[in-house]
């Protein structure tokens, strides 16, 4: 599938970018270019992966001329660069718009300029009915990507723009598990806002499989959403304490600015434009729904209400424990 392909990943030194680069190399990609601002992370990644097919490019997605040079001769772009920490984005909204919105438009413009085959942006559940600035900027990124084809002549530009949407990857940087582990290491109480809060569960391997599926299925203009289970934060906390064999205590803290009690991946208004197969949901703009018959095994969704983390199957503590052990997430 990726044999002979030249690929660029924006934000390529992040948790997802690094894992995606490794998977693409395993799938015989010819070249994988890592585009990011952080030179230290690039040096660290280079020593860790050590593959001559990897190329490391310093650059910011705010810089369109640099992006155009970076994307030259590229076949596929995975756009994962963003300012992602909810409190940071809430405190720095102007900067977040420059990166998450205008930077994403730069990625689109560079892809069109270089006429790449496919461009996929990595979205978030926080873009659905956004409560915080981060979610609002990622919703705009998603809208830019799925409508990018409206501005192009398909006879001149072959680029397919697709969006994918999922929740926090389990144990990715900035997520709750590294936060808990740091608190345990420092012998502090585990801080939790509400034990009944729920979050969608997706492991890194599941996220990579989903990205590859979306690339295979995408025709341009779709938003792909995986079918997932969820967990309660209180259950996750209990499992981590049990696995690390620590009698550390926990304490309740206030909900952070912009934080939701339950996350949604498809809101009630999107259901009328939502279709599904056995693995994923697909949200299609009205004018794209005529292509349904061309997309294999796709049918109108059976969802009757918004697809949110409190309305799907919840993992038991036993299941959470099995996942953490299987994915080798905890240092035990």
Foldseek 3Di string as FASTA:
>chain_A
DQAAAAEEEEVLLFPLNLVLVVVSVVVHHQAYEYEYADPVSVVVSCVVPVDPRYHYDHDALLDLVSLLVSCAPHAEYEYEDADAQQVVCQVVVVVRLSRLAVSLVSNLVSCQVRQHQEYEYEAELCLAVHQGSNNVSRVNSQVCQLCVVVPDDCVRHNYAGEYEYFHDAPLTPPDQPVVQVVCVVVLHAREDADQQQKGWYDHSVRVSVQVVVCVVQGPHNKYKYWDTAMAGNNLLSVLVCVVVVHPGHHDHDHDDRRDDSKTFNFAFVQLVQWKDAPTIIMGHDPVPCVCVVVGPRIGRDPDPGTHMNVPGHYDGSVRSNVVCVVVVSDPD
